[in-house]
PDB file of all heavy atoms in Angstrom:
ATOM      1  N   ILE A   1     104.336 132.750  26.033  1.00  0.00           N
ATOM      2  CA  ILE A   1     105.553 133.402  25.579  1.00  0.00           C
ATOM      3  C   ILE A   1     105.694 133.178  24.086  1.00  0.00           C
ATOM      4  O   ILE A   1     105.674 132.039  23.621  1.00  0.00           O
ATOM      5  CB  ILE A   1     106.788 132.872  26.318  1.00  0.00           C
ATOM      6  CG1 ILE A   1     106.747 133.301  27.781  1.00  0.00           C
ATOM      7  CG2 ILE A   1     108.068 133.358  25.644  1.00  0.00           C
ATOM      8  CD1 ILE A   1     107.886 132.762  28.612  1.00  0.00           C
ATOM      9  N   ARG A   2     105.827 134.250  23.357  1.00  0.00           N
ATOM     10  CA  ARG A   2     105.962 134.161  21.916  1.00  0.00           C
ATOM     11  C   ARG A   2     107.412 133.922  21.500  1.00  0.00           C
ATOM     12  O   ARG A   2     107.691 133.076  20.652  1.00  0.00           O
ATOM     13  CB  ARG A   2     105.431 135.435  21.261  1.00  0.00           C
ATOM     14  CG  ARG A   2     105.226 135.322  19.763  1.00  0.00           C
ATOM     15  CD  ARG A   2     104.580 136.582  19.212  1.00  0.00           C
ATOM     16  NE  ARG A   2     104.123 136.406  17.842  1.00  0.00           N
ATOM     17  CZ  ARG A   2     102.909 136.004  17.517  1.00  0.00           C
ATOM     18  NH1 ARG A   2     102.013 135.753  18.454  1.00  0.00           N
ATOM     19  NH2 ARG A   2     102.581 135.869  16.237  1.00  0.00           N
ATOM     20  N   VAL A   3     108.321 134.668  22.102  1.00  0.00           N
ATOM     21  CA  VAL A   3     109.727 134.557  21.754  1.00  0.00           C
ATOM     22  C   VAL A   3     110.575 134.990  22.946  1.00  0.00           C
ATOM     23  O   VAL A   3     110.160 135.834  23.736  1.00  0.00           O
ATOM     24  CB  VAL A   3     110.053 135.416  20.505  1.00  0.00           C
ATOM     25  CG1 VAL A   3     109.797 136.887  20.781  1.00  0.00           C
ATOM     26  CG2 VAL A   3     111.478 135.196  20.032  1.00  0.00           C
ATOM     27  N   MET A   4     111.751 134.387  23.071  1.00  0.00           N
ATOM     28  CA  MET A   4     112.752 134.820  24.034  1.00  0.00           C
ATOM     29  C   MET A   4     114.075 134.981  23.298  1.00  0.00           C
ATOM     30  O   MET A   4     114.322 134.291  22.305  1.00  0.00           O
ATOM     31  CB  MET A   4     112.909 133.835  25.186  1.00  0.00           C
ATOM     32  CG  MET A   4     111.642 133.642  26.004  1.00  0.00           C
ATOM     33  SD  MET A   4     111.885 132.625  27.485  1.00  0.00           S
ATOM     34  CE  MET A   4     112.638 133.836  28.589  1.00  0.00           C
ATOM     35  N   GLY A   5     114.901 135.885  23.782  1.00  0.00           N
ATOM     36  CA  GLY A   5     116.158 136.106  23.102  1.00  0.00           C
ATOM     37  C   GLY A   5     117.175 136.819  23.955  1.00  0.00           C
ATOM     38  O   GLY A   5     116.929 137.146  25.123  1.00  0.00           O
ATOM     39  N   TRP A   6     118.336 137.030  23.339  1.00  0.00           N
ATOM     40  CA  TRP A   6     119.451 137.696  24.000  1.00  0.00           C
ATOM     41  C   TRP A   6     119.961 138.837  23.139  1.00  0.00           C
ATOM     42  O   TRP A   6     120.216 138.658  21.943  1.00  0.00           O
ATOM     43  CB  TRP A   6     120.597 136.717  24.247  1.00  0.00           C
ATOM     44  CG  TRP A   6     120.263 135.639  25.224  1.00  0.00           C
ATOM     45  CD1 TRP A   6     119.775 134.395  24.955  1.00  0.00           C
ATOM     46  CD2 TRP A   6     120.397 135.716  26.648  1.00  0.00           C
ATOM     47  NE1 TRP A   6     119.595 133.692  26.112  1.00  0.00           N
ATOM     48  CE2 TRP A   6     119.967 134.474  27.171  1.00  0.00           C
ATOM     49  CE3 TRP A   6     120.835 136.700  27.526  1.00  0.00           C
ATOM     50  CZ2 TRP A   6     119.974 134.204  28.541  1.00  0.00           C
ATOM     51  CZ3 TRP A   6     120.833 136.428  28.883  1.00  0.00           C
ATOM     52  CH2 TRP A   6     120.406 135.188  29.372  1.00  0.00           C
ATOM     53  N   TYR A   7     120.096 139.998  23.749  1.00  0.00           N
ATOM     54  CA  TYR A   7     120.753 141.143  23.161  1.00  0.00           C
ATOM     55  C   TYR A   7     122.057 141.391  23.898  1.00  0.00           C
ATOM     56  O   TYR A   7     122.233 140.947  25.033  1.00  0.00           O
ATOM     57  CB  TYR A   7     119.886 142.396  23.263  1.00  0.00           C
ATOM     58  CG  TYR A   7     118.681 142.426  22.347  1.00  0.00           C
ATOM     59  CD1 TYR A   7     117.546 141.679  22.620  1.00  0.00           C
ATOM     60  CD2 TYR A   7     118.682 143.236  21.209  1.00  0.00           C
ATOM     61  CE1 TYR A   7     116.441 141.722  21.791  1.00  0.00           C
ATOM     62  CE2 TYR A   7     117.576 143.287  20.375  1.00  0.00           C
ATOM     63  CZ  TYR A   7     116.460 142.525  20.677  1.00  0.00           C
ATOM     64  OH  TYR A   7     115.368 142.585  19.841  1.00  0.00           O
ATOM     65  N   ARG A   8     122.963 142.110  23.262  1.00  0.00           N
ATOM     66  CA  ARG A   8     124.173 142.520  23.954  1.00  0.00           C
ATOM     67  C   ARG A   8     124.547 143.936  23.543  1.00  0.00           C
ATOM     68  O   ARG A   8     124.230 144.380  22.444  1.00  0.00           O
ATOM     69  CB  ARG A   8     125.341 141.570  23.689  1.00  0.00           C
ATOM     70  CG  ARG A   8     125.861 141.562  22.265  1.00  0.00           C
ATOM     71  CD  ARG A   8     126.937 140.496  22.105  1.00  0.00           C
ATOM     72  NE  ARG A   8     127.466 140.458  20.746  1.00  0.00           N
ATOM     73  CZ  ARG A   8     128.304 139.533  20.308  1.00  0.00           C
ATOM     74  NH1 ARG A   8     128.710 138.555  21.124  1.00  0.00           N
ATOM     75  NH2 ARG A   8     128.745 139.573  19.053  1.00  0.00           N
ATOM     76  N   GLN A   9     125.224 144.617  24.450  1.00  0.00           N
ATOM     77  CA  GLN A   9     125.680 145.969  24.189  1.00  0.00           C
ATOM     78  C   GLN A   9     127.074 146.153  24.779  1.00  0.00           C
ATOM     79  O   GLN A   9     127.261 146.012  25.980  1.00  0.00           O
ATOM     80  CB  GLN A   9     124.724 147.007  24.770  1.00  0.00           C
ATOM     81  CG  GLN A   9     125.066 148.429  24.371  1.00  0.00           C
ATOM     82  CD  GLN A   9     123.933 149.399  24.650  1.00  0.00           C
ATOM     83  OE1 GLN A   9     123.088 149.144  25.505  1.00  0.00           O
ATOM     84  NE2 GLN A   9     123.903 150.504  23.921  1.00  0.00           N
ATOM     85  N   ALA A  10     128.022 146.455  23.911  1.00  0.00           N
ATOM     86  CA  ALA A  10     129.385 146.737  24.320  1.00  0.00           C
ATOM     87  C   ALA A  10     129.562 148.244  24.480  1.00  0.00           C
ATOM     88  O   ALA A  10     128.820 149.032  23.884  1.00  0.00           O
ATOM     89  CB  ALA A  10     130.372 146.187  23.294  1.00  0.00           C
ATOM     90  N   PRO A  11     130.551 148.676  25.265  1.00  0.00           N
ATOM     91  CA  PRO A  11     130.786 150.108  25.431  1.00  0.00           C
ATOM     92  C   PRO A  11     131.002 150.809  24.094  1.00  0.00           C
ATOM     93  O   PRO A  11     131.798 150.359  23.271  1.00  0.00           O
ATOM     94  CB  PRO A  11     132.054 150.161  26.290  1.00  0.00           C
ATOM     95  CG  PRO A  11     132.037 148.876  27.050  1.00  0.00           C
ATOM     96  CD  PRO A  11     131.467 147.870  26.095  1.00  0.00           C
ATOM     97  N   GLY A  12     130.269 151.885  23.882  1.00  0.00           N
ATOM     98  CA  GLY A  12     130.396 152.652  22.661  1.00  0.00           C
ATOM     99  C   GLY A  12     129.745 152.033  21.446  1.00  0.00           C
ATOM    100  O   GLY A  12     129.877 152.578  20.343  1.00  0.00           O
ATOM    101  N   LYS A  13     129.054 150.921  21.628  1.00  0.00           N
ATOM    102  CA  LYS A  13     128.428 150.224  20.511  1.00  0.00           C
ATOM    103  C   LYS A  13     126.910 150.214  20.650  1.00  0.00           C
ATOM    104  O   LYS A  13     126.368 150.381  21.746  1.00  0.00           O
ATOM    105  CB  LYS A  13     128.934 148.782  20.425  1.00  0.00           C
ATOM    106  CG  LYS A  13     130.435 148.639  20.223  1.00  0.00           C
ATOM    107  CD  LYS A  13     130.852 149.116  18.840  1.00  0.00           C
ATOM    108  CE  LYS A  13     132.346 148.873  18.613  1.00  0.00           C
ATOM    109  NZ  LYS A  13     132.657 147.416  18.581  1.00  0.00           N
ATOM    110  N   GLN A  14     126.248 150.001  19.537  1.00  0.00           N
ATOM    111  CA  GLN A  14     124.807 149.847  19.542  1.00  0.00           C
ATOM    112  C   GLN A  14     124.423 148.475  20.084  1.00  0.00           C
ATOM    113  O   GLN A  14     125.169 147.502  19.948  1.00  0.00           O
ATOM    114  CB  GLN A  14     124.245 149.999  18.124  1.00  0.00           C
ATOM    115  CG  GLN A  14     124.390 151.377  17.519  1.00  0.00           C
ATOM    116  CD  GLN A  14     123.416 152.355  18.112  1.00  0.00           C
ATOM    117  OE1 GLN A  14     123.752 153.104  19.028  1.00  0.00           O
ATOM    118  NE2 GLN A  14     122.194 152.358  17.611  1.00  0.00           N
ATOM    119  N   ARG A  15     123.264 148.409  20.702  1.00  0.00           N
ATOM    120  CA  ARG A  15     122.747 147.127  21.148  1.00  0.00           C
ATOM    121  C   ARG A  15     122.384 146.270  19.940  1.00  0.00           C
ATOM    122  O   ARG A  15     121.805 146.770  18.962  1.00  0.00           O
ATOM    123  CB  ARG A  15     121.511 147.332  22.025  1.00  0.00           C
ATOM    124  CG  ARG A  15     120.983 146.061  22.662  1.00  0.00           C
ATOM    125  CD  ARG A  15     119.724 146.329  23.449  1.00  0.00           C
ATOM    126  NE  ARG A  15     118.629 146.755  22.584  1.00  0.00           N
ATOM    127  CZ  ARG A  15     117.414 147.060  23.013  1.00  0.00           C
ATOM    128  NH1 ARG A  15     117.129 147.004  24.298  1.00  0.00           N
ATOM    129  NH2 ARG A  15     116.479 147.434  22.146  1.00  0.00           N
ATOM    130  N   GLU A  16     122.726 144.993  19.987  1.00  0.00           N
ATOM    131  CA  GLU A  16     122.423 144.107  18.886  1.00  0.00           C
ATOM    132  C   GLU A  16     121.749 142.839  19.381  1.00  0.00           C
ATOM    133  O   GLU A  16     122.008 142.360  20.488  1.00  0.00           O
ATOM    134  CB  GLU A  16     123.691 143.744  18.099  1.00  0.00           C
ATOM    135  CG  GLU A  16     124.669 142.860  18.841  1.00  0.00           C
ATOM    136  CD  GLU A  16     125.803 142.350  17.960  1.00  0.00           C
ATOM    137  OE1 GLU A  16     125.669 142.363  16.721  1.00  0.00           O
ATOM    138  OE2 GLU A  16     126.838 141.934  18.531  1.00  0.00           O
ATOM    139  N   LEU A  17     120.897 142.307  18.538  1.00  0.00           N
ATOM    140  CA  LEU A  17     120.263 141.026  18.820  1.00  0.00           C
ATOM    141  C   LEU A  17     121.245 139.916  18.509  1.00  0.00           C
ATOM    142  O   LEU A  17     121.746 139.810  17.385  1.00  0.00           O
ATOM    143  CB  LEU A  17     118.997 140.875  17.987  1.00  0.00           C
ATOM    144  CG  LEU A  17     118.248 139.546  18.107  1.00  0.00           C
ATOM    145  CD1 LEU A  17     117.743 139.325  19.527  1.00  0.00           C
ATOM    146  CD2 LEU A  17     117.091 139.497  17.113  1.00  0.00           C
ATOM    147  N   VAL A  18     121.515 139.076  19.498  1.00  0.00           N
ATOM    148  CA  VAL A  18     122.459 137.979  19.355  1.00  0.00           C
ATOM    149  C   VAL A  18     121.762 136.695  18.939  1.00  0.00           C
ATOM    150  O   VAL A  18     122.219 135.986  18.038  1.00  0.00           O
ATOM    151  CB  VAL A  18     123.242 137.747  20.658  1.00  0.00           C
ATOM    152  CG1 VAL A  18     124.208 136.577  20.516  1.00  0.00           C
ATOM    153  CG2 VAL A  18     123.993 139.016  21.052  1.00  0.00           C
ATOM    154  N   ALA A  19     120.667 136.381  19.612  1.00  0.00           N
ATOM    155  CA  ALA A  19     119.988 135.117  19.376  1.00  0.00           C
ATOM    156  C   ALA A  19     118.553 135.213  19.841  1.00  0.00           C
ATOM    157  O   ALA A  19     118.236 135.955  20.772  1.00  0.00           O
ATOM    158  CB  ALA A  19     120.694 133.967  20.107  1.00  0.00           C
ATOM    159  N   SER A  20     117.691 134.447  19.211  1.00  0.00           N
ATOM    160  CA  SER A  20     116.295 134.389  19.616  1.00  0.00           C
ATOM    161  C   SER A  20     115.757 132.994  19.383  1.00  0.00           C
ATOM    162  O   SER A  20     116.279 132.237  18.560  1.00  0.00           O
ATOM    163  CB  SER A  20     115.446 135.419  18.868  1.00  0.00           C
ATOM    164  OG  SER A  20     115.419 135.148  17.481  1.00  0.00           O
ATOM    165  N   ILE A  21     114.700 132.670  20.105  1.00  0.00           N
ATOM    166  CA  ILE A  21     114.061 131.370  19.964  1.00  0.00           C
ATOM    167  C   ILE A  21     112.580 131.520  20.252  1.00  0.00           C
ATOM    168  O   ILE A  21     112.179 132.192  21.206  1.00  0.00           O
ATOM    169  CB  ILE A  21     114.717 130.314  20.894  1.00  0.00           C
ATOM    170  CG1 ILE A  21     114.132 128.930  20.638  1.00  0.00           C
ATOM    171  CG2 ILE A  21     114.599 130.719  22.359  1.00  0.00           C
ATOM    172  CD1 ILE A  21     114.943 127.809  21.279  1.00  0.00           C
ATOM    173  N   THR A  22     111.758 130.925  19.409  1.00  0.00           N
ATOM    174  CA  THR A  22     110.320 130.969  19.610  1.00  0.00           C
ATOM    175  C   THR A  22     109.889 129.843  20.531  1.00  0.00           C
ATOM    176  O   THR A  22     110.651 128.918  20.827  1.00  0.00           O
ATOM    177  CB  THR A  22     109.572 130.852  18.280  1.00  0.00           C
ATOM    178  OG1 THR A  22     109.744 129.525  17.751  1.00  0.00           O
ATOM    179  CG2 THR A  22     110.078 131.869  17.269  1.00  0.00           C
ATOM    180  N   SER A  23     108.650 129.920  20.980  1.00  0.00           N
ATOM    181  CA  SER A  23     108.124 128.861  21.836  1.00  0.00           C
ATOM    182  C   SER A  23     108.086 127.523  21.117  1.00  0.00           C
ATOM    183  O   SER A  23     108.116 126.476  21.768  1.00  0.00           O
ATOM    184  CB  SER A  23     106.728 129.223  22.337  1.00  0.00           C
ATOM    185  OG  SER A  23     105.825 129.406  21.255  1.00  0.00           O
ATOM    186  N   GLY A  24     108.042 127.548  19.792  1.00  0.00           N
ATOM    187  CA  GLY A  24     108.069 126.330  19.008  1.00  0.00           C
ATOM    188  C   GLY A  24     109.452 125.793  18.728  1.00  0.00           C
ATOM    189  O   GLY A  24     109.588 124.717  18.133  1.00  0.00           O
ATOM    190  N   GLY A  25     110.493 126.539  19.115  1.00  0.00           N
ATOM    191  CA  GLY A  25     111.852 126.056  18.970  1.00  0.00           C
ATOM    192  C   GLY A  25     112.617 126.586  17.777  1.00  0.00           C
ATOM    193  O   GLY A  25     113.765 126.187  17.554  1.00  0.00           O
ATOM    194  N   ASN A  26     112.029 127.466  16.992  1.00  0.00           N
ATOM    195  CA  ASN A  26     112.760 128.066  15.885  1.00  0.00           C
ATOM    196  C   ASN A  26     113.788 129.053  16.412  1.00  0.00           C
ATOM    197  O   ASN A  26     113.471 129.905  17.249  1.00  0.00           O
ATOM    198  CB  ASN A  26     111.804 128.776  14.933  1.00  0.00           C
ATOM    199  CG  ASN A  26     110.898 127.820  14.202  1.00  0.00           C
ATOM    200  OD1 ASN A  26     111.272 126.684  13.910  1.00  0.00           O
ATOM    201  ND2 ASN A  26     109.687 128.265  13.891  1.00  0.00           N
ATOM    202  N   THR A  27     115.021 128.960  15.921  1.00  0.00           N
ATOM    203  CA  THR A  27     116.115 129.775  16.427  1.00  0.00           C
ATOM    204  C   THR A  27     116.704 130.674  15.352  1.00  0.00           C
ATOM    205  O   THR A  27     116.616 130.399  14.153  1.00  0.00           O
ATOM    206  CB  THR A  27     117.234 128.902  17.006  1.00  0.00           C
ATOM    207  OG1 THR A  27     117.768 128.064  15.974  1.00  0.00           O
ATOM    208  CG2 THR A  27     116.708 128.034  18.132  1.00  0.00           C
ATOM    209  N   ASN A  28     117.333 131.747  15.822  1.00  0.00           N
ATOM    210  CA  ASN A  28     118.021 132.678  14.949  1.00  0.00           C
ATOM    211  C   ASN A  28     119.254 133.181  15.674  1.00  0.00           C
ATOM    212  O   ASN A  28     119.189 133.498  16.863  1.00  0.00           O
ATOM    213  CB  ASN A  28     117.114 133.840  14.572  1.00  0.00           C
ATOM    214  CG  ASN A  28     117.726 134.743  13.526  1.00  0.00           C
ATOM    215  OD1 ASN A  28     118.340 134.279  12.576  1.00  0.00           O
ATOM    216  ND2 ASN A  28     117.551 136.050  13.689  1.00  0.00           N
TER     217      ASN A  28
END
């Protein structure tokens, strides 16, 4: 696994990246 993350989409809104984390533990 290279990276895992979370996206979210609200009604009427574009999907956005909320958070991500690499297998090495780097977060955004």
